[in-house]
Amino acid sequence: MRFKVAALQFTVIAVSLIFAAGVNARTINLVGFGDSLMAGYQLPPGDGFPEKLQAALKAKGLDIAIANAGVSGDTTTAGLARIDWSVPDGTDGVILELGANDALRGIPPEESEKNLDQMITRLKERGIAVLLVGIIAPPNMGGEYAARFNPIYRELSEKHRVPLYPFFLDGVALDAGLKLEDGMHPNARGVDVMVGKMETDVTNFVGTISSVKK
């Protein structure tokens, strides 16, 4: 009799735990916010970075949705102007990638840093986590410009205590076979490489969000 009572109690507890887990489980909503590198410039639908990253994370069992808020040609100034309405309420985290067009146009790095700083601040004020993604200035801009531009991402990461992925085009930038004919944007295989290299960092980022949202 005692055994039957104990077994019944165990069953009730187990069912309660399963039910609670189901109630607490929910989709983590991310936004990939950036320029043409994020938008999937000249790539077929579904081949952009946010879409392929979402598929890779879902394959690992993560309940996650990643919206693509990349706009080709965006500078940090343009990103700042749209950050509030391009990232909807209910967003848990933003993968923030901007600055490549600033560097190509020779915009003063101090201006880029100020714009990114304000974007991170606004997102954090809304309770939205940020994964900052770095860009490296192109060689033709010269060493002096690179020395001013390249460190801004690390400095912002430390200032705001947000995680940093140092270089979005890691593994792609120096491989012509992974880029479009323009020599700047990744092709579909290039995006696969980017996703593979960044997947662990994003998984860790999602883990921090999940622990906070419990």
Protein backbone atom coordinates (compact mmCIF):
# COMPACT_ATOMS: atom_id res chain seq x y z
CA MET A 1 0.00 0.00 0.00
CA ARG A 2 2.79 2.39 0.94
CA PHE A 3 4.51 1.53 -2.34
CA LYS A 4 1.36 2.40 -4.32
CA VAL A 5 1.00 5.74 -2.49
CA ALA A 6 4.67 6.58 -3.06
CA ALA A 7 4.39 5.66 -6.74
CA LEU A 8 1.28 7.81 -7.11
CA GLN A 9 3.03 10.77 -5.43
CA PHE A 10 6.04 10.38 -7.74
CA THR A 11 3.77 10.32 -10.79
CA VAL A 12 1.98 13.48 -9.70
CA ILE A 13 5.30 15.28 -9.12
CA ALA A 14 6.69 14.15 -12.47
CA VAL A 15 3.60 15.30 -14.36
CA SER A 16 3.71 18.64 -12.53
CA LEU A 17 7.33 19.18 -13.50
CA ILE A 18 6.66 18.35 -17.15
CA PHE A 19 3.67 20.69 -17.20
CA ALA A 20 5.70 23.47 -15.58
CA ALA A 21 8.50 23.04 -18.10
CA GLY A 22 6.01 23.31 -20.94
CA VAL A 23 4.47 26.46 -19.50
CA ASN A 24 7.84 28.14 -18.95
CA ALA A 25 9.30 27.19 -22.33
CA ARG A 26 8.97 29.87 -24.97
CA THR A 27 10.59 31.02 -28.16
CA ILE A 28 13.58 33.36 -27.83
CA ASN A 29 13.12 36.21 -30.31
CA LEU A 30 16.24 37.76 -31.80
CA VAL A 31 16.72 40.47 -34.41
CA GLY A 32 19.69 40.59 -36.76
CA PHE A 33 20.17 44.35 -37.10
CA GLY A 34 22.71 45.57 -39.62
CA ASP A 35 23.60 46.44 -43.19
CA SER A 36 23.89 44.45 -46.43
CA LEU A 37 26.09 41.84 -44.72
CA MET A 38 23.18 41.05 -42.45
CA ALA A 39 20.45 41.62 -45.04
CA GLY A 40 21.78 38.96 -47.44
CA TYR A 41 22.76 41.20 -50.35
CA GLN A 42 22.00 39.55 -53.74
CA LEU A 43 21.27 36.20 -52.10
CA PRO A 44 18.11 34.13 -52.65
CA PRO A 45 15.44 34.16 -49.93
CA GLY A 46 16.50 32.00 -47.01
CA ASP A 47 20.24 32.30 -47.70
CA GLY A 48 20.82 35.38 -45.55
CA PHE A 49 22.76 35.18 -42.29
CA PRO A 50 19.77 35.46 -39.89
CA GLU A 51 17.82 32.77 -41.72
CA LYS A 52 20.70 30.31 -41.90
CA LEU A 53 21.70 31.00 -38.30
CA GLN A 54 18.14 30.34 -37.15
CA ALA A 55 18.10 27.03 -39.02
CA ALA A 56 21.43 26.00 -37.50
CA LEU A 57 20.30 26.81 -33.96
CA LYS A 58 16.96 25.08 -34.42
CA ALA A 59 18.84 21.99 -35.59
CA LYS A 60 20.60 22.06 -32.20
CA GLY A 61 17.23 22.03 -30.46
CA LEU A 62 16.99 25.73 -29.60
CA ASP A 63 13.52 27.28 -29.75
CA ILE A 64 14.54 30.49 -31.46
CA ALA A 65 13.34 32.94 -34.11
CA ILE A 66 15.65 35.45 -35.78
CA ALA A 67 14.14 38.36 -37.72
CA ASN A 68 16.22 39.94 -40.47
CA ALA A 69 16.43 43.70 -39.95
CA GLY A 70 19.40 44.26 -42.23
CA VAL A 71 19.25 47.18 -44.69
CA SER A 72 21.75 47.43 -47.51
CA GLY A 73 23.77 50.62 -47.41
CA ASP A 74 23.04 51.42 -43.79
CA THR A 75 25.60 53.38 -41.84
CA THR A 76 25.58 53.63 -38.06
CA THR A 77 23.78 56.97 -38.45
CA ALA A 78 21.00 55.32 -40.46
CA GLY A 79 20.85 52.46 -37.98
CA LEU A 80 20.46 54.83 -35.07
CA ALA A 81 17.61 56.59 -36.86
CA ARG A 82 15.62 53.34 -37.18
CA ILE A 83 16.71 51.30 -34.15
CA ASP A 84 13.57 52.04 -32.14
CA TRP A 85 11.02 50.96 -34.76
CA SER A 86 13.06 48.25 -36.50
CA VAL A 87 13.39 46.29 -33.26
CA PRO A 88 9.82 45.50 -32.13
CA ASP A 89 8.57 45.09 -28.59
CA GLY A 90 8.92 41.52 -27.44
CA THR A 91 12.44 41.19 -28.83
CA ASP A 92 14.74 39.36 -26.41
CA GLY A 93 18.07 40.10 -28.04
CA VAL A 94 19.70 41.93 -30.94
CA ILE A 95 22.71 40.87 -32.98
CA LEU A 96 24.04 44.35 -33.74
CA GLU A 97 26.25 44.57 -36.84
CA LEU A 98 26.97 47.99 -38.28
CA GLY A 99 29.99 50.04 -39.28
CA ALA A 100 31.21 48.52 -42.55
CA ASN A 101 29.69 51.32 -44.64
CA ASP A 102 31.06 53.91 -42.23
CA ALA A 103 34.57 52.60 -42.83
CA LEU A 104 34.10 52.39 -46.61
CA ARG A 105 33.00 56.03 -46.65
CA GLY A 106 35.71 57.21 -44.31
CA ILE A 107 33.26 58.44 -41.70
CA PRO A 108 35.13 59.53 -38.57
CA PRO A 109 35.36 56.52 -36.22
CA GLU A 110 34.36 58.74 -33.32
CA GLU A 111 30.99 59.32 -35.00
CA SER A 112 30.51 55.60 -35.61
CA GLU A 113 31.33 54.84 -31.99
CA LYS A 114 28.91 57.47 -30.73
CA ASN A 115 26.09 56.07 -32.87
CA LEU A 116 26.71 52.47 -31.80
CA ASP A 117 26.94 53.61 -28.20
CA GLN A 118 23.51 55.20 -28.40
CA MET A 119 22.01 52.14 -30.09
CA ILE A 120 23.28 49.82 -27.37
CA THR A 121 22.04 52.22 -24.70
CA ARG A 122 18.55 52.40 -26.19
CA LEU A 123 18.26 48.64 -26.53
CA LYS A 124 19.42 48.03 -22.96
CA GLU A 125 16.96 50.63 -21.68
CA ARG A 126 14.21 48.50 -23.27
CA GLY A 127 15.52 45.38 -21.55
CA ILE A 128 16.87 43.93 -24.81
CA ALA A 129 20.16 42.04 -24.69
CA VAL A 130 22.85 42.90 -27.24
CA LEU A 131 25.48 40.82 -29.00
CA LEU A 132 27.82 43.33 -30.64
CA VAL A 133 29.43 42.28 -33.92
CA GLY A 134 32.67 43.92 -34.98
CA ILE A 135 33.93 45.04 -38.37
CA ILE A 136 37.51 45.74 -39.47
CA ALA A 137 38.37 48.79 -41.57
CA PRO A 138 39.44 47.95 -45.15
CA PRO A 139 43.19 48.21 -45.84
CA ASN A 140 42.76 51.02 -48.36
CA MET A 141 41.66 53.34 -45.54
CA GLY A 142 45.18 53.30 -44.17
CA GLY A 143 46.74 52.38 -40.85
CA GLU A 144 45.86 55.60 -39.05
CA TYR A 145 42.16 55.21 -39.79
CA ALA A 146 42.20 51.52 -38.84
CA ALA A 147 43.92 52.33 -35.54
CA ARG A 148 41.04 54.65 -34.68
CA PHE A 149 38.21 52.52 -36.10
CA ASN A 150 38.98 48.90 -35.23
CA PRO A 151 39.11 49.26 -31.41
CA ILE A 152 35.67 50.87 -31.06
CA TYR A 153 33.84 47.54 -30.83
CA ARG A 154 36.01 46.19 -28.03
CA GLU A 155 35.71 49.47 -26.16
CA LEU A 156 31.91 49.49 -26.47
CA SER A 157 31.71 45.85 -25.42
CA GLU A 158 33.67 46.62 -22.27
CA LYS A 159 31.79 49.86 -21.55
CA HIS A 160 28.34 48.29 -21.80
CA ARG A 161 29.37 44.80 -20.65
CA VAL A 162 27.87 43.14 -23.70
CA PRO A 163 29.36 40.15 -25.52
CA LEU A 164 31.42 40.83 -28.65
CA TYR A 165 31.97 38.78 -31.78
CA PRO A 166 35.12 40.52 -33.08
CA PHE A 167 34.80 40.22 -36.88
CA PHE A 168 31.64 39.35 -38.79
CA LEU A 169 33.50 38.26 -41.95
CA ASP A 170 35.95 36.01 -40.14
CA GLY A 171 36.92 33.16 -42.46
CA VAL A 172 35.37 34.87 -45.48
CA ALA A 173 37.11 38.22 -45.97
CA LEU A 174 40.28 36.75 -47.48
CA ASP A 175 38.67 33.94 -49.50
CA ALA A 176 37.42 35.05 -52.93
CA GLY A 177 35.55 31.76 -53.36
CA LEU A 178 33.27 32.65 -50.48
CA LYS A 179 32.31 36.08 -51.80
CA LEU A 180 30.19 37.52 -54.58
CA GLU A 181 31.81 38.98 -57.67
CA ASP A 182 31.97 42.37 -55.97
CA GLY A 183 34.61 40.93 -53.67
CA MET A 184 32.89 42.36 -50.60
CA HIS A 185 29.73 40.43 -49.76
CA PRO A 186 29.52 36.75 -48.84
CA ASN A 187 27.90 34.26 -51.18
CA ALA A 188 25.72 31.43 -49.84
CA ARG A 189 28.78 29.30 -48.98
CA GLY A 190 30.33 32.29 -47.30
CA VAL A 191 27.27 32.74 -45.13
CA ASP A 192 27.54 29.07 -44.14
CA VAL A 193 31.10 29.72 -42.96
CA MET A 194 30.03 32.80 -41.00
CA VAL A 195 27.21 30.87 -39.33
CA GLY A 196 29.53 28.00 -38.45
CA LYS A 197 32.07 30.32 -36.85
CA MET A 198 29.53 32.40 -34.95
CA GLU A 199 27.12 29.66 -33.90
CA THR A 200 28.76 28.97 -30.53
CA ASP A 201 28.85 32.66 -29.59
CA VAL A 202 25.17 33.09 -30.42
CA THR A 203 24.28 29.90 -28.53
CA ASN A 204 26.03 31.29 -25.47
CA PHE A 205 24.25 34.62 -25.98
CA VAL A 206 20.88 32.87 -26.11
CA GLY A 207 21.82 30.98 -22.95
CA THR A 208 22.32 34.21 -21.03
CA ILE A 209 18.96 35.48 -22.25
CA SER A 210 17.20 32.27 -21.28
CA SER A 211 18.63 32.35 -17.76
CA VAL A 212 17.49 35.96 -17.26
CA LYS A 213 14.01 35.35 -18.68
CA LYS A 214 13.27 32.39 -16.35
